[in-house]
Amino acid sequence: MPRFSPVSMGAIIGAFALVEFTSGILQGYYTPMLTDIARHLDVHDADVNWLEGSQLMLSAITVPLLSRLGDAIGHKRILLVSTFVVMVATFGLVVAPNFAVFLVAWAVQGVYTVWLPLEIALIWIRAERAAGRVPGTRPAALTRRAAGMLVAALELGVIGGALAGGALVTALPLDAVLLVPGIAVALCLIAIWVWVDETPSVTGGGVDGIGTTLLTLSLLAATGGLSLMRMLGPEHPIPWLVIAAGLLLLWPFARHELRVERPLIDVRMFVDPALWPVFVTSGLFGMSVLGAQAPLSTFARTDPAVTGYGLGISGFETSIIIGAYVLSLVAGAMLYPLVTRTITPRITLLCATLLVAIGYLLFVPFHDTYAQVLGNMLIAGAGSGALVAALPASAAAAAPADATGVATGLTNAVRMVGGAVASCVFGLALANGVAAASGATAPLGDDAVTAGSLTGYMTVWIVCGASALAAAATLLIVPKRAFVDAPEPVSPAGLVT
């Protein structure tokens, strides 16, 4: 039987901090070099949006599936397998001969999104068992502190990854730069193997294979239809038929999930009057916080001397914008609980969504200078940080007592789906670049041919702002119990039990 000494728990948390720091690197490292990746693969700037869309869509499928497998056969085992898969995919980016292979490797790399849920499960199980051996141990408090440390490590990784990626892509060949994240993931694999013990007991049971298949086919059809629209144009009927087929598959998926004992996703939560507005808000929020990253990076790298718009800055200067944006996210998340001491959580979240809307809508008139872009990002980032912190907590407060984990997981999954759909739509909006105006006579590496159109970027900013305003409207109908702790039970005599 494993021991639960402070040293062993500290080693586990230290290993997980390294894993989350690497997760942050994967999220921030590539963003400043997306334009370089597009040039390296001989594709247009608009096509890098499909990278984000495919990865987010795969994440929405794999997180509930792998989390369930962790419960069934062991969290460390699944954490090791997922880390190995991410390592192979990350090194695959280095040797990918074309955009199609790069896209597949990039999508598979998104398996890293399951790391944090598995880590929290491992910490909780050990803390709970330690409570039976060490008097005074508080599992919930210990898990919260550990989760805070892991999220802090993740954010540091995003900032460090963005700065390192921006600096290295300016100084080294792209192939060499792409090697770095794979090395970091390999170190994580060693740390998990050496310092993390397996879950003392597992629940067993099977996986909802039919539900997983139906959901996978639905999401693949939706993104596939958008991809076909990119190739055939929105006037062609086939893409719309494929998208409709994907949406129709959600009906048999929902009916199946209602029948099985251990569903992949508890669809009953999507009709709960206290939860569905939170899920809708999360999906709308995902459109901007996840879907707009690639367009902002490629816009910053676009040369205004060639296209008439963009900032034309280096990868390192782009990484500074990204780092500042992440810091504003952290500031928003930290300020949220402080602000709610003065005004209600609902009003605080409404203000946060309005900040996101204002930040992106300001891009429409103000996008010509570095200072304008940075200022817009800081405004949107502060609101986004508050939403990142608050939406899972709101879902947990509104959910039944025995389903808080499922509710928070679904909040993240819906946010990823929103980001995936937005990434694909933004790719379509940006695809109509200035190539037609230039007659596509310049080489593909020329910004005059590969840059997204200014109209496309305007569409991105307007959609992000409008989705944030729609999220604010949705928050108005969230019941009050989604923002407050449940009242303590009271005995018939009127005493708190």
Protein backbone atom coordinates (compact mmCIF):
# COMPACT_ATOMS: atom_id res chain seq x y z
CA MET A 1 0.00 0.00 0.00
CA PRO A 2 1.51 3.40 -0.98
CA ARG A 3 2.57 5.86 1.68
CA PHE A 4 1.14 9.36 1.75
CA SER A 5 3.90 11.37 3.38
CA PRO A 6 4.29 15.11 2.67
CA VAL A 7 7.43 14.26 0.68
CA SER A 8 5.62 11.85 -1.63
CA MET A 9 2.74 14.28 -2.14
CA GLY A 10 5.24 17.08 -2.74
CA ALA A 11 7.02 14.97 -5.36
CA ILE A 12 3.72 14.26 -7.10
CA ILE A 13 2.72 17.92 -7.15
CA GLY A 14 6.20 18.88 -8.34
CA ALA A 15 5.98 16.41 -11.21
CA PHE A 16 2.55 17.71 -12.13
CA ALA A 17 3.80 21.31 -11.99
CA LEU A 18 6.41 20.36 -14.59
CA VAL A 19 3.69 18.75 -16.71
CA GLU A 20 1.47 21.83 -16.52
CA PHE A 21 4.39 24.14 -17.26
CA THR A 22 4.94 22.06 -20.39
CA SER A 23 1.22 22.24 -21.16
CA GLY A 24 1.58 26.02 -21.02
CA ILE A 25 4.57 25.84 -23.36
CA LEU A 26 2.49 23.90 -25.88
CA GLN A 27 -0.23 26.54 -25.66
CA GLY A 28 2.01 29.60 -25.99
CA TYR A 29 5.15 28.49 -27.83
CA TYR A 30 3.77 28.17 -31.35
CA THR A 31 1.56 31.26 -31.47
CA PRO A 32 4.27 33.83 -32.37
CA MET A 33 5.51 31.61 -35.21
CA LEU A 34 2.22 30.69 -36.91
CA THR A 35 3.09 32.90 -39.86
CA ASP A 36 6.50 31.19 -40.13
CA ILE A 37 4.76 27.79 -40.00
CA ALA A 38 2.41 28.85 -42.79
CA ARG A 39 5.37 29.91 -44.94
CA HIS A 40 7.27 26.71 -44.10
CA LEU A 41 4.32 24.56 -45.21
CA ASP A 42 3.46 26.75 -48.22
CA VAL A 43 -0.07 27.54 -47.06
CA HIS A 44 -2.00 30.74 -46.55
CA ASP A 45 -2.28 32.48 -43.18
CA ALA A 46 -5.97 31.59 -43.07
CA ASP A 47 -5.13 27.87 -43.05
CA VAL A 48 -3.44 28.00 -39.64
CA ASN A 49 -6.90 28.50 -38.13
CA TRP A 50 -7.65 24.91 -39.09
CA LEU A 51 -4.80 23.84 -36.80
CA GLU A 52 -6.52 25.35 -33.77
CA GLY A 53 -9.96 24.15 -34.86
CA SER A 54 -8.90 20.53 -35.36
CA GLN A 55 -7.01 20.42 -32.06
CA LEU A 56 -9.88 21.89 -30.07
CA MET A 57 -12.39 19.54 -31.66
CA LEU A 58 -10.25 16.49 -30.88
CA SER A 59 -9.80 17.75 -27.32
CA ALA A 60 -13.56 17.98 -26.86
CA ILE A 61 -13.76 14.26 -27.70
CA THR A 62 -10.71 12.95 -25.86
CA VAL A 63 -11.10 14.75 -22.51
CA PRO A 64 -14.31 12.95 -21.40
CA LEU A 65 -13.17 9.67 -22.95
CA LEU A 66 -9.70 9.60 -21.36
CA SER A 67 -11.02 10.92 -18.05
CA ARG A 68 -13.44 7.98 -17.95
CA LEU A 69 -10.62 5.58 -18.85
CA GLY A 70 -8.59 7.03 -15.99
CA ASP A 71 -11.36 6.11 -13.56
CA ALA A 72 -11.68 2.66 -15.10
CA ILE A 73 -8.08 1.45 -15.51
CA GLY A 74 -5.87 3.94 -13.63
CA HIS A 75 -5.17 7.66 -13.83
CA LYS A 76 -1.38 7.35 -13.96
CA ARG A 77 -1.61 4.77 -16.74
CA ILE A 78 -3.76 7.08 -18.89
CA LEU A 79 -1.57 10.07 -18.00
CA LEU A 80 1.49 8.16 -19.22
CA VAL A 81 -0.23 7.02 -22.41
CA SER A 82 -1.55 10.50 -23.19
CA THR A 83 1.87 12.06 -22.55
CA PHE A 84 3.55 9.54 -24.84
CA VAL A 85 0.98 10.29 -27.57
CA VAL A 86 1.58 14.03 -27.18
CA MET A 87 5.35 13.49 -27.36
CA VAL A 88 5.07 11.52 -30.61
CA ALA A 89 2.73 14.11 -32.12
CA THR A 90 4.98 17.00 -31.04
CA PHE A 91 8.05 15.45 -32.64
CA GLY A 92 5.86 14.65 -35.64
CA LEU A 93 5.48 18.38 -36.26
CA VAL A 94 9.22 18.58 -36.91
CA VAL A 95 9.25 15.96 -39.66
CA ALA A 96 5.82 16.60 -41.20
CA PRO A 97 6.38 16.78 -44.98
CA ASN A 98 3.21 18.73 -45.78
CA PHE A 99 0.30 20.61 -44.25
CA ALA A 100 -2.00 17.55 -44.08
CA VAL A 101 0.44 15.54 -41.93
CA PHE A 102 1.23 18.63 -39.83
CA LEU A 103 -2.52 19.15 -39.27
CA VAL A 104 -3.00 15.56 -38.05
CA ALA A 105 0.00 15.78 -35.70
CA TRP A 106 -1.18 19.14 -34.39
CA ALA A 107 -4.68 17.80 -33.72
CA VAL A 108 -3.34 14.71 -31.89
CA GLN A 109 -1.11 16.96 -29.79
CA GLY A 110 -4.33 18.35 -28.28
CA VAL A 111 -4.55 15.23 -26.09
CA TYR A 112 -2.57 17.29 -23.53
CA THR A 113 -5.86 18.91 -22.46
CA VAL A 114 -6.65 15.79 -20.40
CA TRP A 115 -3.53 16.17 -18.26
CA LEU A 116 -4.99 18.59 -15.69
CA PRO A 117 -8.20 16.61 -14.99
CA LEU A 118 -6.16 13.43 -14.50
CA GLU A 119 -3.69 15.22 -12.22
CA ILE A 120 -6.46 16.68 -10.06
CA ALA A 121 -8.04 13.22 -9.78
CA LEU A 122 -4.73 11.69 -8.66
CA ILE A 123 -4.13 14.43 -6.09
CA TRP A 124 -7.68 14.20 -4.72
CA ILE A 125 -7.55 10.43 -4.31
CA ARG A 126 -4.24 10.59 -2.46
CA ALA A 127 -5.33 13.49 -0.29
CA GLU A 128 -8.57 11.71 0.61
CA ARG A 129 -6.73 8.53 1.58
CA ALA A 130 -4.16 10.54 3.51
CA ALA A 131 -7.00 12.02 5.58
CA GLY A 132 -7.64 8.54 7.00
CA ARG A 133 -4.01 8.21 8.08
CA VAL A 134 -2.96 11.72 9.06
CA PRO A 135 -5.30 13.57 11.46
CA GLY A 136 -6.15 17.10 10.42
CA THR A 137 -5.63 16.51 6.68
CA ARG A 138 -8.24 18.39 4.63
CA PRO A 139 -8.46 16.79 1.17
CA ALA A 140 -10.55 19.53 -0.46
CA ALA A 141 -8.29 22.31 0.79
CA LEU A 142 -5.15 20.41 -0.21
CA THR A 143 -6.55 19.74 -3.67
CA ARG A 144 -7.52 23.41 -4.13
CA ARG A 145 -4.03 24.57 -3.17
CA ALA A 146 -2.45 22.02 -5.50
CA ALA A 147 -4.78 23.04 -8.33
CA GLY A 148 -3.82 26.68 -7.83
CA MET A 149 -0.13 25.79 -8.04
CA LEU A 150 -0.70 23.77 -11.21
CA VAL A 151 -2.66 26.55 -12.90
CA ALA A 152 0.06 29.02 -11.95
CA ALA A 153 2.67 26.71 -13.48
CA LEU A 154 0.54 26.46 -16.63
CA GLU A 155 0.26 30.24 -17.01
CA LEU A 156 4.00 30.66 -16.45
CA GLY A 157 4.53 28.06 -19.17
CA VAL A 158 2.29 29.99 -21.58
CA ILE A 159 4.22 33.21 -21.00
CA GLY A 160 7.63 31.54 -21.04
CA GLY A 161 6.70 29.48 -24.08
CA ALA A 162 5.49 32.52 -26.02
CA LEU A 163 8.61 34.54 -25.22
CA ALA A 164 10.95 31.63 -25.96
CA GLY A 165 9.15 30.74 -29.18
CA GLY A 166 9.22 34.33 -30.40
CA ALA A 167 12.91 34.72 -29.62
CA LEU A 168 14.01 31.36 -31.07
CA VAL A 169 12.06 31.64 -34.32
CA THR A 170 13.86 34.91 -35.00
CA ALA A 171 17.29 33.36 -34.43
CA LEU A 172 17.12 29.69 -35.49
CA PRO A 173 15.75 27.60 -38.39
CA LEU A 174 12.12 26.58 -37.86
CA ASP A 175 12.92 22.84 -37.74
CA ALA A 176 15.25 23.40 -34.80
CA VAL A 177 12.70 25.61 -33.05
CA LEU A 178 9.98 22.97 -33.37
CA LEU A 179 12.15 20.41 -31.55
CA VAL A 180 12.03 22.22 -28.20
CA PRO A 181 8.45 21.36 -27.07
CA GLY A 182 8.99 17.67 -27.85
CA ILE A 183 12.01 17.59 -25.54
CA ALA A 184 9.94 19.21 -22.77
CA VAL A 185 7.17 16.59 -23.18
CA ALA A 186 9.75 13.79 -23.04
CA LEU A 187 10.98 15.15 -19.68
CA CYS A 188 7.37 15.10 -18.43
CA LEU A 189 7.08 11.45 -19.41
CA ILE A 190 10.14 10.63 -17.28
CA ALA A 191 8.87 12.69 -14.32
CA ILE A 192 5.47 10.94 -14.33
CA TRP A 193 7.08 7.51 -14.59
CA VAL A 194 9.49 8.13 -11.69
CA TRP A 195 7.59 10.32 -9.22
CA VAL A 196 3.91 9.45 -9.60
CA ASP A 197 2.27 6.31 -8.19
CA GLU A 198 -0.78 4.67 -9.73
CA THR A 199 -4.24 5.19 -8.28
CA PRO A 200 -4.55 2.75 -5.32
CA SER A 201 -7.90 1.52 -6.64
CA VAL A 202 -9.82 1.89 -9.86
CA THR A 203 -13.54 1.71 -10.51
CA GLY A 204 -13.36 -0.62 -13.49
CA GLY A 205 -16.25 -0.77 -15.90
CA GLY A 206 -16.41 -0.14 -19.59
CA VAL A 207 -16.34 2.90 -21.80
CA ASP A 208 -19.36 4.19 -23.68
CA GLY A 209 -18.10 3.12 -27.09
CA ILE A 210 -21.32 3.83 -28.97
CA GLY A 211 -21.62 7.31 -27.47
CA THR A 212 -17.98 8.06 -28.22
CA THR A 213 -18.41 6.92 -31.84
CA LEU A 214 -21.57 8.98 -32.38
CA LEU A 215 -20.04 12.12 -30.84
CA THR A 216 -16.83 11.68 -32.84
CA LEU A 217 -18.75 11.29 -36.10
CA SER A 218 -20.87 14.33 -35.28
CA LEU A 219 -17.91 16.61 -34.57
CA LEU A 220 -15.93 15.27 -37.53
CA ALA A 221 -18.88 15.89 -39.85
CA ALA A 222 -19.28 19.44 -38.56
CA THR A 223 -15.62 20.35 -39.02
CA GLY A 224 -15.43 18.36 -42.25
CA GLY A 225 -18.33 20.34 -43.65
CA LEU A 226 -16.57 23.58 -42.80
CA SER A 227 -13.41 22.25 -44.48
CA LEU A 228 -15.41 21.40 -47.60
CA MET A 229 -16.86 24.89 -47.53
CA ARG A 230 -13.29 26.22 -47.56
CA MET A 231 -12.59 24.21 -50.73
CA LEU A 232 -15.95 24.35 -52.55
CA GLY A 233 -17.30 27.69 -51.35
CA PRO A 234 -20.37 28.53 -49.25
CA GLU A 235 -22.65 28.44 -52.28
CA HIS A 236 -22.09 24.69 -52.79
CA PRO A 237 -24.75 22.43 -51.17
CA ILE A 238 -22.47 19.53 -50.16
CA PRO A 239 -20.73 21.30 -47.24
CA TRP A 240 -24.08 22.31 -45.79
CA LEU A 241 -25.41 18.75 -46.10
CA VAL A 242 -22.34 17.38 -44.28
CA ILE A 243 -22.72 19.95 -41.48
CA ALA A 244 -26.44 19.12 -41.20
CA ALA A 245 -25.59 15.40 -40.96
CA GLY A 246 -23.19 16.16 -38.11
CA LEU A 247 -25.86 18.11 -36.23
CA LEU A 248 -28.47 15.39 -36.81
CA LEU A 249 -26.14 12.78 -35.27
CA LEU A 250 -26.47 14.62 -31.95
CA TRP A 251 -30.05 13.31 -31.69
CA PRO A 252 -29.21 9.57 -31.57
CA PHE A 253 -26.19 10.44 -29.41
CA ALA A 254 -28.41 12.18 -26.84
CA ARG A 255 -30.96 9.35 -26.84
CA HIS A 256 -28.22 6.77 -26.34
CA GLU A 257 -26.62 8.74 -23.49
CA LEU A 258 -29.95 8.85 -21.69
CA ARG A 259 -30.18 5.05 -21.77
CA VAL A 260 -26.71 3.97 -20.61
CA GLU A 261 -25.68 3.67 -16.97
CA ARG A 262 -22.32 5.41 -17.40
CA PRO A 263 -22.69 7.87 -20.27
CA LEU A 264 -19.78 9.64 -21.90
CA ILE A 265 -21.62 12.94 -21.33
CA ASP A 266 -24.60 13.46 -19.04
CA VAL A 267 -26.87 15.23 -21.53
CA ARG A 268 -29.50 15.86 -18.83
CA MET A 269 -27.38 18.76 -17.68
CA PHE A 270 -27.96 20.55 -20.97
CA VAL A 271 -31.66 20.96 -20.15
CA ASP A 272 -31.14 21.96 -16.52
CA PRO A 273 -32.41 25.58 -16.32
CA ALA A 274 -29.53 26.51 -14.03
CA LEU A 275 -26.80 24.91 -16.14
CA TRP A 276 -27.63 25.37 -19.82
CA PRO A 277 -27.12 29.17 -19.72
CA VAL A 278 -23.68 28.57 -18.18
CA PHE A 279 -22.82 26.10 -20.97
CA VAL A 280 -24.05 28.50 -23.66
CA THR A 281 -22.01 31.31 -22.14
CA SER A 282 -18.96 29.07 -22.04
CA GLY A 283 -19.37 28.11 -25.70
CA LEU A 284 -19.78 31.73 -26.79
CA PHE A 285 -16.78 32.73 -24.68
CA GLY A 286 -14.69 29.97 -26.26
CA MET A 287 -15.16 31.59 -29.66
CA SER A 288 -12.99 34.52 -28.63
CA VAL A 289 -10.63 33.14 -25.98
CA LEU A 290 -9.69 30.10 -28.08
CA GLY A 291 -10.70 30.89 -31.65
CA ALA A 292 -9.09 34.32 -32.05
CA GLN A 293 -5.50 33.44 -31.08
CA ALA A 294 -4.27 32.44 -34.54
CA PRO A 295 -5.83 35.42 -36.38
CA LEU A 296 -4.33 37.87 -33.89
CA SER A 297 -0.88 36.33 -34.34
CA THR A 298 -0.99 36.34 -38.15
CA PHE A 299 -2.37 39.89 -38.21
CA ALA A 300 0.52 41.08 -36.06
CA ARG A 301 3.04 39.42 -38.39
CA THR A 302 1.44 40.72 -41.63
CA ASP A 303 3.56 43.38 -43.36
CA PRO A 304 1.58 46.64 -43.82
CA ALA A 305 4.04 47.81 -46.50
CA VAL A 306 2.75 44.98 -48.70
CA THR A 307 -0.90 44.63 -47.72
CA GLY A 308 -1.78 48.03 -46.25
CA TYR A 309 -2.71 46.52 -42.87
CA GLY A 310 -1.07 44.51 -40.10
CA LEU A 311 1.81 45.41 -37.81
CA GLY A 312 4.70 43.70 -39.61
CA ILE A 313 6.44 42.86 -36.33
CA SER A 314 8.85 40.04 -35.54
CA GLY A 315 8.04 36.79 -33.77
CA PHE A 316 9.59 38.05 -30.54
CA GLU A 317 7.55 41.28 -30.60
CA THR A 318 4.44 39.18 -31.19
CA SER A 319 5.35 37.03 -28.19
CA ILE A 320 5.43 40.15 -26.01
CA ILE A 321 1.82 40.88 -26.94
CA ILE A 322 0.89 37.28 -26.13
CA GLY A 323 2.74 37.41 -22.81
CA ALA A 324 1.01 40.66 -21.85
CA TYR A 325 -2.35 39.16 -22.83
CA VAL A 326 -1.75 36.11 -20.62
CA LEU A 327 -0.74 38.36 -17.71
CA SER A 328 -4.00 40.27 -18.13
CA LEU A 329 -5.83 36.90 -18.03
CA VAL A 330 -4.12 36.09 -14.74
CA ALA A 331 -4.96 39.54 -13.37
CA GLY A 332 -8.61 39.14 -14.34
CA ALA A 333 -8.81 35.72 -12.71
CA MET A 334 -7.22 37.01 -9.50
CA LEU A 335 -9.40 40.13 -9.36
CA TYR A 336 -12.66 38.24 -9.85
CA PRO A 337 -13.05 36.95 -6.24
CA LEU A 338 -11.99 40.35 -4.89
CA VAL A 339 -14.50 42.29 -6.99
CA THR A 340 -17.34 39.94 -6.01
CA ARG A 341 -16.91 41.09 -2.42
CA THR A 342 -18.20 44.49 -3.50
CA ILE A 343 -20.68 43.70 -6.27
CA THR A 344 -22.61 40.53 -7.02
CA PRO A 345 -20.99 37.72 -9.03
CA ARG A 346 -23.60 38.11 -11.78
CA ILE A 347 -22.82 41.81 -12.27
CA THR A 348 -19.09 41.03 -12.15
CA LEU A 349 -19.44 38.46 -14.92
CA LEU A 350 -21.58 40.82 -16.98
CA CYS A 351 -18.83 43.41 -16.68
CA ALA A 352 -16.25 40.80 -17.66
CA THR A 353 -18.14 39.81 -20.82
CA LEU A 354 -18.56 43.49 -21.70
CA LEU A 355 -14.80 43.97 -21.34
CA VAL A 356 -14.24 41.11 -23.79
CA ALA A 357 -16.74 42.67 -26.21
CA ILE A 358 -15.19 46.13 -25.91
CA GLY A 359 -11.66 44.78 -26.33
CA TYR A 360 -12.44 42.99 -29.61
CA LEU A 361 -14.78 45.61 -31.04
CA LEU A 362 -12.10 48.26 -30.48
CA PHE A 363 -10.02 46.39 -33.06
CA VAL A 364 -12.44 47.51 -35.79
CA PRO A 365 -11.41 51.20 -35.64
CA PHE A 366 -8.08 50.80 -33.79
CA HIS A 367 -5.68 48.20 -35.25
CA ASP A 368 -2.98 50.25 -36.94
CA THR A 369 -0.31 50.46 -34.22
CA TYR A 370 1.40 48.17 -31.75
CA ALA A 371 0.02 50.20 -28.83
CA GLN A 372 -3.55 49.95 -30.13
CA VAL A 373 -3.38 46.17 -30.57
CA LEU A 374 -1.74 45.70 -27.17
CA GLY A 375 -4.33 47.91 -25.45
CA ASN A 376 -7.24 46.03 -27.04
CA MET A 377 -5.71 42.70 -25.99
CA LEU A 378 -5.25 43.83 -22.39
CA ILE A 379 -8.90 44.91 -22.14
CA ALA A 380 -10.18 41.65 -23.62
CA GLY A 381 -7.72 39.64 -21.53
CA ALA A 382 -8.86 41.09 -18.21
CA GLY A 383 -12.47 40.15 -18.94
CA SER A 384 -11.46 36.73 -20.28
CA GLY A 385 -9.47 35.93 -17.14
CA ALA A 386 -12.47 36.58 -14.93
CA LEU A 387 -14.62 34.32 -17.11
CA VAL A 388 -12.01 31.53 -17.13
CA ALA A 389 -12.03 31.55 -13.34
CA ALA A 390 -15.76 32.04 -12.82
CA LEU A 391 -17.59 29.83 -15.33
CA PRO A 392 -16.43 26.44 -13.95
CA ALA A 393 -17.21 27.65 -10.43
CA SER A 394 -20.67 28.80 -11.56
CA ALA A 395 -21.32 25.40 -13.14
CA ALA A 396 -20.20 23.62 -9.96
CA ALA A 397 -22.47 25.79 -7.80
CA ALA A 398 -25.47 25.20 -10.06
CA ALA A 399 -24.93 21.45 -10.49
CA PRO A 400 -26.31 18.71 -8.22
CA ALA A 401 -23.99 17.87 -5.33
CA ASP A 402 -22.95 14.55 -6.88
CA ALA A 403 -22.19 15.99 -10.33
CA THR A 404 -19.97 19.02 -9.81
CA GLY A 405 -16.99 17.41 -11.52
CA VAL A 406 -19.04 16.44 -14.55
CA ALA A 407 -20.53 19.93 -14.80
CA THR A 408 -17.17 21.69 -14.69
CA GLY A 409 -15.74 19.24 -17.22
CA LEU A 410 -18.64 19.90 -19.59
CA THR A 411 -18.08 23.64 -19.21
CA ASN A 412 -14.54 23.23 -20.52
CA ALA A 413 -15.64 20.83 -23.28
CA VAL A 414 -18.30 23.23 -24.55
CA ARG A 415 -15.78 26.06 -24.50
CA MET A 416 -13.43 23.97 -26.67
CA VAL A 417 -16.21 23.20 -29.14
CA GLY A 418 -17.02 26.91 -29.36
CA GLY A 419 -13.36 27.68 -30.02
CA ALA A 420 -13.13 24.92 -32.62
CA VAL A 421 -16.16 26.13 -34.56
CA ALA A 422 -14.92 29.72 -34.40
CA SER A 423 -11.46 28.72 -35.63
CA CYS A 424 -12.97 27.02 -38.68
CA VAL A 425 -15.30 29.94 -39.39
CA PHE A 426 -12.45 32.41 -39.01
CA GLY A 427 -10.39 30.34 -41.41
CA LEU A 428 -13.16 30.70 -43.97
CA ALA A 429 -13.43 34.44 -43.36
CA LEU A 430 -9.69 34.98 -43.77
CA ALA A 431 -9.29 32.67 -46.76
CA ASN A 432 -10.55 35.32 -49.15
CA GLY A 433 -7.23 37.21 -48.95
CA VAL A 434 -5.71 39.74 -51.26
CA ALA A 435 -4.49 37.08 -53.65
CA ALA A 436 -7.32 37.80 -56.03
CA ALA A 437 -6.48 41.47 -56.04
CA SER A 438 -2.85 40.77 -56.75
CA GLY A 439 -3.62 38.17 -59.39
CA ALA A 440 -1.65 35.63 -57.29
CA THR A 441 1.45 36.46 -59.32
CA ALA A 442 3.75 36.83 -56.33
CA PRO A 443 5.44 33.80 -54.77
CA LEU A 444 3.44 32.01 -52.09
CA GLY A 445 5.73 33.29 -49.35
CA ASP A 446 4.80 36.88 -50.21
CA ASP A 447 2.34 38.55 -47.82
CA ALA A 448 0.45 39.88 -50.84
CA VAL A 449 -0.67 36.32 -51.57
CA THR A 450 -0.67 34.53 -48.20
CA ALA A 451 -2.14 37.20 -45.91
CA GLY A 452 -5.73 37.02 -44.77
CA SER A 453 -7.99 39.82 -45.95
CA LEU A 454 -8.66 42.87 -43.84
CA THR A 455 -12.37 42.12 -44.26
CA GLY A 456 -11.69 38.68 -42.80
CA TYR A 457 -9.92 40.14 -39.77
CA MET A 458 -12.79 42.59 -39.29
CA THR A 459 -15.14 39.60 -39.33
CA VAL A 460 -13.07 37.88 -36.63
CA TRP A 461 -13.16 40.89 -34.35
CA ILE A 462 -16.86 41.55 -34.87
CA VAL A 463 -17.80 37.90 -34.26
CA CYS A 464 -15.71 37.83 -31.06
CA GLY A 465 -17.31 41.05 -29.83
CA ALA A 466 -20.83 39.93 -30.77
CA SER A 467 -20.39 36.51 -29.12
CA ALA A 468 -19.29 38.25 -25.91
CA LEU A 469 -22.40 40.47 -26.02
CA ALA A 470 -24.55 37.38 -26.56
CA ALA A 471 -22.83 35.75 -23.56
CA ALA A 472 -23.70 38.82 -21.47
CA ALA A 473 -27.35 38.47 -22.50
CA THR A 474 -27.29 34.78 -21.57
CA LEU A 475 -25.91 35.56 -18.12
CA LEU A 476 -29.02 37.60 -17.41
CA ILE A 477 -31.13 34.43 -17.32
CA VAL A 478 -28.79 32.26 -15.22
CA PRO A 479 -30.57 31.47 -11.93
CA LYS A 480 -29.05 32.98 -8.82
CA ARG A 481 -28.04 29.57 -7.44
CA ALA A 482 -25.40 29.36 -10.18
CA PHE A 483 -23.38 32.04 -8.44
CA VAL A 484 -23.69 31.27 -4.72
CA ASP A 485 -22.93 28.44 -2.37
CA ALA A 486 -25.79 26.12 -1.57
CA PRO A 487 -27.49 27.00 1.73
CA GLU A 488 -26.53 24.87 4.67
CA PRO A 489 -29.17 22.27 5.61
CA VAL A 490 -31.39 23.26 8.50
CA SER A 491 -32.92 20.83 10.99
CA PRO A 492 -36.64 20.93 11.86
CA ALA A 493 -35.70 22.78 15.02
CA GLY A 494 -34.16 25.55 12.94
CA LEU A 495 -30.57 24.67 13.73
CA VAL A 496 -27.91 24.30 11.06
CA THR A 497 -27.03 20.62 10.76
